[in-house]
C-alpha atoms as a PDB file:
ATOM      1  CA  UNK A   1     -17.215  54.448-176.621  1.00  0.00           C
ATOM      2  CA  UNK A   2     -18.126  51.032-178.296  1.00  0.00           C
ATOM      3  CA  UNK A   3     -17.382  50.761-181.912  1.00  0.00           C
ATOM      4  CA  UNK A   4     -19.327  51.468-184.671  1.00  0.00           C
ATOM      5  CA  UNK A   5     -18.340  47.904-186.488  1.00  0.00           C
ATOM      6  CA  UNK A   6     -20.785  46.888-188.973  1.00  0.00           C
ATOM      7  CA  UNK A   7     -21.609  43.614-190.489  1.00  0.00           C
ATOM      8  CA  UNK A   8     -18.580  42.604-192.226  1.00  0.00           C
ATOM      9  CA  UNK A   9     -16.120  44.442-190.977  1.00  0.00           C
ATOM     10  CA  UNK A  10     -14.518  41.976-189.567  1.00  0.00           C
ATOM     11  CA  UNK A  11     -12.865  41.511-193.392  1.00  0.00           C
ATOM     12  CA  UNK A  12     -11.400  44.938-192.911  1.00  0.00           C
ATOM     13  CA  UNK A  13      -9.970  44.987-189.211  1.00  0.00           C
ATOM     14  CA  UNK A  14      -6.166  45.390-189.294  1.00  0.00           C
ATOM     15  CA  UNK A  15      -6.131  42.804-186.306  1.00  0.00           C
ATOM     16  CA  UNK A  16      -5.716  39.328-187.779  1.00  0.00           C
ATOM     17  CA  UNK A  17      -7.808  36.995-185.556  1.00  0.00           C
ATOM     18  CA  UNK A  18     -10.631  39.598-185.863  1.00  0.00           C
ATOM     19  CA  UNK A  19     -10.762  39.510-189.617  1.00  0.00           C
ATOM     20  CA  UNK A  20     -10.424  35.445-189.189  1.00  0.00           C
ATOM     21  CA  UNK A  21     -13.710  35.015-187.620  1.00  0.00           C
ATOM     22  CA  UNK A  22     -16.676  33.812-189.135  1.00  0.00           C
ATOM     23  CA  UNK A  23     -19.018  36.791-189.767  1.00  0.00           C
ATOM     24  CA  UNK A  24     -22.066  35.288-186.949  1.00  0.00           C
ATOM     25  CA  UNK A  25     -18.990  35.317-184.381  1.00  0.00           C
ATOM     26  CA  UNK A  26     -17.692  38.027-184.982  1.00  0.00           C
ATOM     27  CA  UNK A  27     -20.890  40.179-184.681  1.00  0.00           C
ATOM     28  CA  UNK A  28     -21.517  38.474-181.595  1.00  0.00           C
ATOM     29  CA  UNK A  29     -18.502  40.654-180.137  1.00  0.00           C
ATOM     30  CA  UNK A  30     -19.280  43.742-181.801  1.00  0.00           C
ATOM     31  CA  UNK A  31     -21.564  45.121-178.997  1.00  0.00           C
ATOM     32  CA  UNK A  32     -18.880  43.775-176.741  1.00  0.00           C
ATOM     33  CA  UNK A  33     -15.685  45.611-178.261  1.00  0.00           C
ATOM     34  CA  UNK A  34     -14.223  49.394-177.924  1.00  0.00           C
ATOM     35  CA  UNK A  35     -12.029  51.225-179.318  1.00  0.00           C
ATOM     36  CA  UNK A  36      -8.566  52.018-177.805  1.00  0.00           C
ATOM     37  CA  UNK A  37      -5.782  54.044-178.030  1.00  0.00           C
ATOM     38  CA  UNK A  38      -2.493  52.899-175.775  1.00  0.00           C
ATOM     39  CA  UNK A  39       0.773  54.704-175.274  1.00  0.00           C
ATOM     40  CA  UNK A  40       4.430  53.447-175.252  1.00  0.00           C
ATOM     41  CA  UNK A  41       4.838  52.278-171.974  1.00  0.00           C
ATOM     42  CA  UNK A  42       1.237  51.720-171.052  1.00  0.00           C
ATOM     43  CA  UNK A  43       0.790  48.565-168.913  1.00  0.00           C
ATOM     44  CA  UNK A  44      -2.368  46.084-170.173  1.00  0.00           C
ATOM     45  CA  UNK A  45      -1.753  43.814-167.331  1.00  0.00           C
ATOM     46  CA  UNK A  46       0.065  43.476-164.676  1.00  0.00           C
ATOM     47  CA  UNK A  47       2.474  40.383-163.618  1.00  0.00           C
ATOM     48  CA  UNK A  48       0.229  39.755-160.574  1.00  0.00           C
ATOM     49  CA  UNK A  49      -3.397  40.461-161.620  1.00  0.00           C
ATOM     50  CA  UNK A  50      -5.510  38.708-163.745  1.00  0.00           C
ATOM     51  CA  UNK A  51      -6.580  40.520-166.988  1.00  0.00           C
ATOM     52  CA  UNK A  52      -9.215  43.552-166.751  1.00  0.00           C
ATOM     53  CA  UNK A  53      -9.243  43.420-170.421  1.00  0.00           C
ATOM     54  CA  UNK A  54      -8.572  41.366-173.440  1.00  0.00           C
ATOM     55  CA  UNK A  55      -6.808  43.674-176.330  1.00  0.00           C
ATOM     56  CA  UNK A  56      -7.004  43.182-180.097  1.00  0.00           C
ATOM     57  CA  UNK A  57      -4.178  45.482-181.766  1.00  0.00           C
ATOM     58  CA  UNK A  58      -4.258  46.825-185.085  1.00  0.00           C
ATOM     59  CA  UNK A  59      -1.672  49.442-184.331  1.00  0.00           C
ATOM     60  CA  UNK A  60       1.643  49.214-182.335  1.00  0.00           C
ATOM     61  CA  UNK A  61       3.754  46.691-180.495  1.00  0.00           C
ATOM     62  CA  UNK A  62       3.533  45.517-176.897  1.00  0.00           C
ATOM     63  CA  UNK A  63       6.118  43.430-175.054  1.00  0.00           C
ATOM     64  CA  UNK A  64       5.453  40.756-173.106  1.00  0.00           C
ATOM     65  CA  UNK A  65       8.027  40.235-169.371  1.00  0.00           C
ATOM     66  CA  UNK A  66       9.392  38.563-166.570  1.00  0.00           C
ATOM     67  CA  UNK A  67      11.261  40.811-163.882  1.00  0.00           C
ATOM     68  CA  UNK A  68      12.960  40.030-161.030  1.00  0.00           C
ATOM     69  CA  UNK A  69      12.636  41.185-157.157  1.00  0.00           C
ATOM     70  CA  UNK A  70      15.117  43.718-158.347  1.00  0.00           C
ATOM     71  CA  UNK A  71      13.361  45.003-161.062  1.00  0.00           C
ATOM     72  CA  UNK A  72      15.092  43.995-163.439  1.00  0.00           C
ATOM     73  CA  UNK A  73      12.775  42.946-166.657  1.00  0.00           C
ATOM     74  CA  UNK A  74      13.571  40.333-169.263  1.00  0.00           C
ATOM     75  CA  UNK A  75      11.954  40.031-172.806  1.00  0.00           C
ATOM     76  CA  UNK A  76       9.398  36.915-173.468  1.00  0.00           C
ATOM     77  CA  UNK A  77       8.101  37.917-176.628  1.00  0.00           C
ATOM     78  CA  UNK A  78       6.404  40.564-178.770  1.00  0.00           C
ATOM     79  CA  UNK A  79       2.226  41.212-179.695  1.00  0.00           C
ATOM     80  CA  UNK A  80       1.400  43.011-182.657  1.00  0.00           C
ATOM     81  CA  UNK A  81      -1.350  42.989-184.689  1.00  0.00           C
ATOM     82  CA  UNK A  82      -1.415  39.414-185.443  1.00  0.00           C
ATOM     83  CA  UNK A  83      -2.357  38.196-181.748  1.00  0.00           C
ATOM     84  CA  UNK A  84      -4.617  38.913-178.904  1.00  0.00           C
ATOM     85  CA  UNK A  85      -3.156  40.361-175.839  1.00  0.00           C
ATOM     86  CA  UNK A  86      -4.607  38.886-172.508  1.00  0.00           C
ATOM     87  CA  UNK A  87      -5.842  35.877-173.135  1.00  0.00           C
ATOM     88  CA  UNK A  88      -5.622  34.635-170.060  1.00  0.00           C
ATOM     89  CA  UNK A  89      -8.743  35.626-169.107  1.00  0.00           C
ATOM     90  CA  UNK A  90      -9.371  31.705-170.592  1.00  0.00           C
ATOM     91  CA  UNK A  91      -7.584  30.024-167.344  1.00  0.00           C
ATOM     92  CA  UNK A  92      -8.852  30.487-163.872  1.00  0.00           C
ATOM     93  CA  UNK A  93      -7.658  32.962-161.757  1.00  0.00           C
ATOM     94  CA  UNK A  94      -4.121  32.373-160.135  1.00  0.00           C
ATOM     95  CA  UNK A  95      -0.243  33.156-160.429  1.00  0.00           C
ATOM     96  CA  UNK A  96       0.373  35.138-163.486  1.00  0.00           C
ATOM     97  CA  UNK A  97       3.805  36.075-163.764  1.00  0.00           C
ATOM     98  CA  UNK A  98       3.912  37.849-167.092  1.00  0.00           C
ATOM     99  CA  UNK A  99       3.814  41.465-167.278  1.00  0.00           C
ATOM    100  CA  UNK A 100       2.544  43.270-170.473  1.00  0.00           C
ATOM    101  CA  UNK A 101       2.863  46.795-171.828  1.00  0.00           C
ATOM    102  CA  UNK A 102       3.307  48.458-174.818  1.00  0.00           C
ATOM    103  CA  UNK A 103       6.512  49.480-176.530  1.00  0.00           C
ATOM    104  CA  UNK A 104       5.172  51.585-179.063  1.00  0.00           C
ATOM    105  CA  UNK A 105       1.942  54.025-179.293  1.00  0.00           C
ATOM    106  CA  UNK A 106      -1.040  52.569-180.648  1.00  0.00           C
ATOM    107  CA  UNK A 107      -5.027  51.507-181.200  1.00  0.00           C
ATOM    108  CA  UNK A 108      -7.344  48.736-181.314  1.00  0.00           C
ATOM    109  CA  UNK A 109     -10.462  47.197-179.756  1.00  0.00           C
ATOM    110  CA  UNK A 110     -10.607  45.841-176.096  1.00  0.00           C
ATOM    111  CA  UNK A 111     -13.184  43.586-174.646  1.00  0.00           C
ATOM    112  CA  UNK A 112     -14.260  42.302-171.471  1.00  0.00           C
ATOM    113  CA  UNK A 113     -12.812  39.024-170.324  1.00  0.00           C
ATOM    114  CA  UNK A 114     -15.429  37.704-169.089  1.00  0.00           C
ATOM    115  CA  UNK A 115     -17.042  37.895-172.927  1.00  0.00           C
ATOM    116  CA  UNK A 116     -14.010  36.692-174.025  1.00  0.00           C
ATOM    117  CA  UNK A 117     -14.175  34.043-171.989  1.00  0.00           C
ATOM    118  CA  UNK A 118     -17.535  33.004-172.855  1.00  0.00           C
ATOM    119  CA  UNK A 119     -16.904  33.023-176.935  1.00  0.00           C
ATOM    120  CA  UNK A 120     -13.547  31.120-176.142  1.00  0.00           C
ATOM    121  CA  UNK A 121     -15.341  28.018-174.130  1.00  0.00           C
ATOM    122  CA  UNK A 122     -18.554  28.846-177.364  1.00  0.00           C
ATOM    123  CA  UNK A 123     -16.901  29.697-180.394  1.00  0.00           C
ATOM    124  CA  UNK A 124     -14.901  26.541-182.006  1.00  0.00           C
ATOM    125  CA  UNK A 125     -13.475  29.067-184.419  1.00  0.00           C
ATOM    126  CA  UNK A 126     -11.977  31.606-181.515  1.00  0.00           C
ATOM    127  CA  UNK A 127     -11.081  28.526-179.578  1.00  0.00           C
ATOM    128  CA  UNK A 128      -8.213  27.198-182.292  1.00  0.00           C
ATOM    129  CA  UNK A 129      -7.592  30.769-183.291  1.00  0.00           C
ATOM    130  CA  UNK A 130      -6.473  31.591-179.581  1.00  0.00           C
ATOM    131  CA  UNK A 131      -4.504  28.138-179.069  1.00  0.00           C
ATOM    132  CA  UNK A 132      -2.672  29.045-182.299  1.00  0.00           C
ATOM    133  CA  UNK A 133      -1.748  32.390-180.846  1.00  0.00           C
ATOM    134  CA  UNK A 134      -0.775  30.916-177.915  1.00  0.00           C
ATOM    135  CA  UNK A 135       1.281  28.258-179.559  1.00  0.00           C
ATOM    136  CA  UNK A 136       3.214  30.475-181.403  1.00  0.00           C
ATOM    137  CA  UNK A 137       3.976  32.738-177.913  1.00  0.00           C
ATOM    138  CA  UNK A 138       4.955  29.542-176.800  1.00  0.00           C
ATOM    139  CA  UNK A 139       7.369  29.020-179.314  1.00  0.00           C
ATOM    140  CA  UNK A 140       8.831  32.578-179.558  1.00  0.00           C
ATOM    141  CA  UNK A 141       9.088  32.316-175.445  1.00  0.00           C
ATOM    142  CA  UNK A 142      10.911  28.937-175.806  1.00  0.00           C
ATOM    143  CA  UNK A 143      13.280  30.398-178.821  1.00  0.00           C
ATOM    144  CA  UNK A 144      14.201  33.776-177.029  1.00  0.00           C
ATOM    145  CA  UNK A 145      15.293  31.722-173.933  1.00  0.00           C
ATOM    146  CA  UNK A 146      17.608  29.407-176.073  1.00  0.00           C
ATOM    147  CA  UNK A 147      18.637  32.555-177.589  1.00  0.00           C
ATOM    148  CA  UNK A 148      19.799  34.510-174.594  1.00  0.00           C
ATOM    149  CA  UNK A 149      21.478  31.765-173.355  1.00  0.00           C
ATOM    150  CA  UNK A 150      23.379  30.209-176.592  1.00  0.00           C
ATOM    151  CA  UNK A 151      23.905  33.281-179.116  1.00  0.00           C
ATOM    152  CA  UNK A 152      26.444  36.447-179.246  1.00  0.00           C
ATOM    153  CA  UNK A 153      24.898  39.961-178.495  1.00  0.00           C
ATOM    154  CA  UNK A 154      25.229  40.822-182.008  1.00  0.00           C
ATOM    155  CA  UNK A 155      23.260  37.694-183.236  1.00  0.00           C
ATOM    156  CA  UNK A 156      20.374  38.331-180.437  1.00  0.00           C
ATOM    157  CA  UNK A 157      20.318  42.393-181.328  1.00  0.00           C
ATOM    158  CA  UNK A 158      19.974  41.711-184.784  1.00  0.00           C
ATOM    159  CA  UNK A 159      16.930  38.820-184.063  1.00  0.00           C
ATOM    160  CA  UNK A 160      15.180  41.403-181.996  1.00  0.00           C
ATOM    161  CA  UNK A 161      15.294  44.431-184.325  1.00  0.00           C
ATOM    162  CA  UNK A 162      13.962  42.274-186.900  1.00  0.00           C
ATOM    163  CA  UNK A 163      11.389  40.745-184.838  1.00  0.00           C
ATOM    164  CA  UNK A 164      10.111  44.125-183.483  1.00  0.00           C
ATOM    165  CA  UNK A 165       9.831  45.296-187.123  1.00  0.00           C
ATOM    166  CA  UNK A 166       7.988  42.247-188.330  1.00  0.00           C
ATOM    167  CA  UNK A 167       5.504  43.068-185.963  1.00  0.00           C
ATOM    168  CA  UNK A 168       5.640  46.968-185.802  1.00  0.00           C
ATOM    169  CA  UNK A 169       4.989  46.693-189.788  1.00  0.00           C
ATOM    170  CA  UNK A 170       7.909  49.184-190.238  1.00  0.00           C
ATOM    171  CA  UNK A 171      11.426  49.640-190.525  1.00  0.00           C
ATOM    172  CA  UNK A 172      11.573  52.788-188.788  1.00  0.00           C
ATOM    173  CA  UNK A 173      11.553  51.643-184.589  1.00  0.00           C
ATOM    174  CA  UNK A 174      10.651  54.793-182.290  1.00  0.00           C
ATOM    175  CA  UNK A 175      12.731  53.175-179.233  1.00  0.00           C
ATOM    176  CA  UNK A 176      15.755  53.788-177.352  1.00  0.00           C
ATOM    177  CA  UNK A 177      18.602  52.041-176.580  1.00  0.00           C
ATOM    178  CA  UNK A 178      18.287  51.659-172.986  1.00  0.00           C
ATOM    179  CA  UNK A 179      14.761  50.207-173.871  1.00  0.00           C
ATOM    180  CA  UNK A 180      16.668  47.692-175.961  1.00  0.00           C
ATOM    181  CA  UNK A 181      18.632  46.670-172.902  1.00  0.00           C
ATOM    182  CA  UNK A 182      15.915  46.488-170.582  1.00  0.00           C
ATOM    183  CA  UNK A 183      14.160  43.753-173.024  1.00  0.00           C
ATOM    184  CA  UNK A 184      17.244  41.686-173.874  1.00  0.00           C
ATOM    185  CA  UNK A 185      18.427  41.976-169.933  1.00  0.00           C
ATOM    186  CA  UNK A 186      21.818  43.887-170.851  1.00  0.00           C
ATOM    187  CA  UNK A 187      23.391  46.885-170.165  1.00  0.00           C
ATOM    188  CA  UNK A 188      22.824  50.103-172.476  1.00  0.00           C
ATOM    189  CA  UNK A 189      26.609  50.280-173.097  1.00  0.00           C
ATOM    190  CA  UNK A 190      26.259  46.865-174.429  1.00  0.00           C
ATOM    191  CA  UNK A 191      23.739  47.940-177.132  1.00  0.00           C
ATOM    192  CA  UNK A 192      25.126  50.967-177.702  1.00  0.00           C
ATOM    193  CA  UNK A 193      28.640  49.446-178.645  1.00  0.00           C
ATOM    194  CA  UNK A 194      26.564  46.206-180.839  1.00  0.00           C
ATOM    195  CA  UNK A 195      24.119  49.290-182.269  1.00  0.00           C
ATOM    196  CA  UNK A 196      27.361  50.998-183.667  1.00  0.00           C
ATOM    197  CA  UNK A 197      29.063  48.270-185.462  1.00  0.00           C
ATOM    198  CA  UNK A 198      25.712  47.493-186.971  1.00  0.00           C
ATOM    199  CA  UNK A 199      25.740  51.251-187.886  1.00  0.00           C
ATOM    200  CA  UNK A 200      29.000  51.109-189.098  1.00  0.00           C
ATOM    201  CA  UNK A 201      28.206  48.103-191.514  1.00  0.00           C
ATOM    202  CA  UNK A 202      25.746  50.019-193.064  1.00  0.00           C
ATOM    203  CA  UNK A 203      22.916  47.778-191.943  1.00  0.00           C
ATOM    204  CA  UNK A 204      21.043  50.145-189.699  1.00  0.00           C
ATOM    205  CA  UNK A 205      20.937  54.187-188.950  1.00  0.00           C
ATOM    206  CA  UNK A 206      19.770  55.623-185.190  1.00  0.00           C
ATOM    207  CA  UNK A 207      19.276  58.996-183.650  1.00  0.00           C
ATOM    208  CA  UNK A 208      17.980  59.582-180.508  1.00  0.00           C
ATOM    209  CA  UNK A 209      14.730  57.528-179.399  1.00  0.00           C
ATOM    210  CA  UNK A 210      14.811  56.040-182.989  1.00  0.00           C
ATOM    211  CA  UNK A 211      16.306  53.198-184.784  1.00  0.00           C
ATOM    212  CA  UNK A 212      15.741  52.567-188.894  1.00  0.00           C
ATOM    213  CA  UNK A 213      16.795  49.356-190.659  1.00  0.00           C
ATOM    214  CA  UNK A 214      18.217  50.348-193.320  1.00  0.00           C
ATOM    215  CA  UNK A 215      19.369  46.619-194.820  1.00  0.00           C
ATOM    216  CA  UNK A 216      17.444  44.149-194.186  1.00  0.00           C
ATOM    217  CA  UNK A 217      19.224  41.192-196.279  1.00  0.00           C
ATOM    218  CA  UNK A 218      22.712  42.353-193.997  1.00  0.00           C
ATOM    219  CA  UNK A 219      20.696  42.265-190.658  1.00  0.00           C
ATOM    220  CA  UNK A 220      18.995  39.032-191.663  1.00  0.00           C
ATOM    221  CA  UNK A 221      22.910  37.661-192.400  1.00  0.00           C
ATOM    222  CA  UNK A 222      23.983  38.127-189.165  1.00  0.00           C
ATOM    223  CA  UNK A 223      20.748  37.736-186.866  1.00  0.00           C
ATOM    224  CA  UNK A 224      21.060  33.477-185.616  1.00  0.00           C
ATOM    225  CA  UNK A 225      18.667  31.269-186.711  1.00  0.00           C
ATOM    226  CA  UNK A 226      16.351  32.079-183.922  1.00  0.00           C
ATOM    227  CA  UNK A 227      14.911  35.242-185.633  1.00  0.00           C
ATOM    228  CA  UNK A 228      13.731  32.486-189.060  1.00  0.00           C
ATOM    229  CA  UNK A 229      12.431  30.072-185.944  1.00  0.00           C
ATOM    230  CA  UNK A 230      10.333  32.643-185.045  1.00  0.00           C
ATOM    231  CA  UNK A 231       9.460  34.264-187.767  1.00  0.00           C
ATOM    232  CA  UNK A 232       8.001  30.629-188.868  1.00  0.00           C
ATOM    233  CA  UNK A 233       6.088  29.988-186.368  1.00  0.00           C
ATOM    234  CA  UNK A 234       4.212  33.351-186.388  1.00  0.00           C
ATOM    235  CA  UNK A 235       3.206  33.031-189.785  1.00  0.00           C
ATOM    236  CA  UNK A 236       2.704  29.221-189.066  1.00  0.00           C
ATOM    237  CA  UNK A 237       0.094  29.773-186.288  1.00  0.00           C
ATOM    238  CA  UNK A 238      -1.438  32.686-187.122  1.00  0.00           C
ATOM    239  CA  UNK A 239      -1.999  32.811-191.142  1.00  0.00           C
ATOM    240  CA  UNK A 240      -5.195  32.764-192.472  1.00  0.00           C
ATOM    241  CA  UNK A 241      -6.861  29.069-192.808  1.00  0.00           C
ATOM    242  CA  UNK A 242      -3.402  27.562-192.003  1.00  0.00           C
ATOM    243  CA  UNK A 243      -3.800  24.051-189.679  1.00  0.00           C
ATOM    244  CA  UNK A 244      -0.453  25.398-187.634  1.00  0.00           C
ATOM    245  CA  UNK A 245      -1.169  23.594-184.556  1.00  0.00           C
ATOM    246  CA  UNK A 246      -0.854  19.995-186.315  1.00  0.00           C
ATOM    247  CA  UNK A 247       1.872  21.300-188.531  1.00  0.00           C
ATOM    248  CA  UNK A 248       3.905  22.222-185.459  1.00  0.00           C
ATOM    249  CA  UNK A 249       6.912  19.626-186.238  1.00  0.00           C
ATOM    250  CA  UNK A 250       7.704  21.342-189.468  1.00  0.00           C
ATOM    251  CA  UNK A 251       9.835  23.716-187.316  1.00  0.00           C
ATOM    252  CA  UNK A 252      11.840  21.289-187.007  1.00  0.00           C
ATOM    253  CA  UNK A 253      12.708  21.344-190.630  1.00  0.00           C
ATOM    254  CA  UNK A 254      14.046  25.094-190.607  1.00  0.00           C
END
C-alpha cells in the first residue's frame, strides 16, 4: 500500500534520513514509498542477493552480519531509524556478503531500488546523506572488529547492549541471550554468565526474552571505548546539518 504522505510530511518522519531531505526531493519519493511492517527475524536482504527493496525504518532495529559456510553469524552493525537499509542499491550488481535481518519487529517505508538509485544519482542532498551513513557504518564495523579482537566479554556485551538501546530508543530490549550470543559470536553460556554478573551489580535486569538497562551510567563505565567511538560516529554522520563527512578526523580525539 502506498503512503498517504503529503507536502511537508518529511518533517514528521521518524526516519532521520527522510526527515533531512528538502521538500522537493522528498516529494519525488512520495509516490514510490510504501508503508511496511516487519517482524523480528525477518530478512530484509540476503547475503547473496542484490537489494529488492530499500528500507527507511521508523520503528525497530535491524542487524547487518556476515556468516561462515557452517552458518555461524557475526554482527557488523546495528541499524535503526537513523539510517537506510539496502543502500547497496547504489552499487552495480556484484558480490554481496552482508545479510540484513530484523532484531525486533518494526515499521517504516520501502522504495524500489531502481528509484532509490536514480534519486541518489540525481539528488546532491540524498547522495550526501547516504554516503554519510555509509561512513558511519564503516566506522561502526571497523570498531566492532577491533572490539571483538581486543576487549573482554563484559566490555563487549556492555558496548552491544548500549548500542542496541540507542538504536531502539528504549532501555527495554526484547532480545534473548541466545540471540545476543549469535550477534557477538560467542556461546549462550558466556552471555548468561556475563549478564548474570551485570545483574548482580544492578546494572541490568532480565527475564526470558527481555532485558532492561536499569543503570546506564554504570553500564557505560563497564563498556570499552568502542561504545563512545561508535556513538560519536553515529552522531557526527547522521545529525541534521552536520558536515560529518568532512570531520571524520575528530573521532581520533575521543
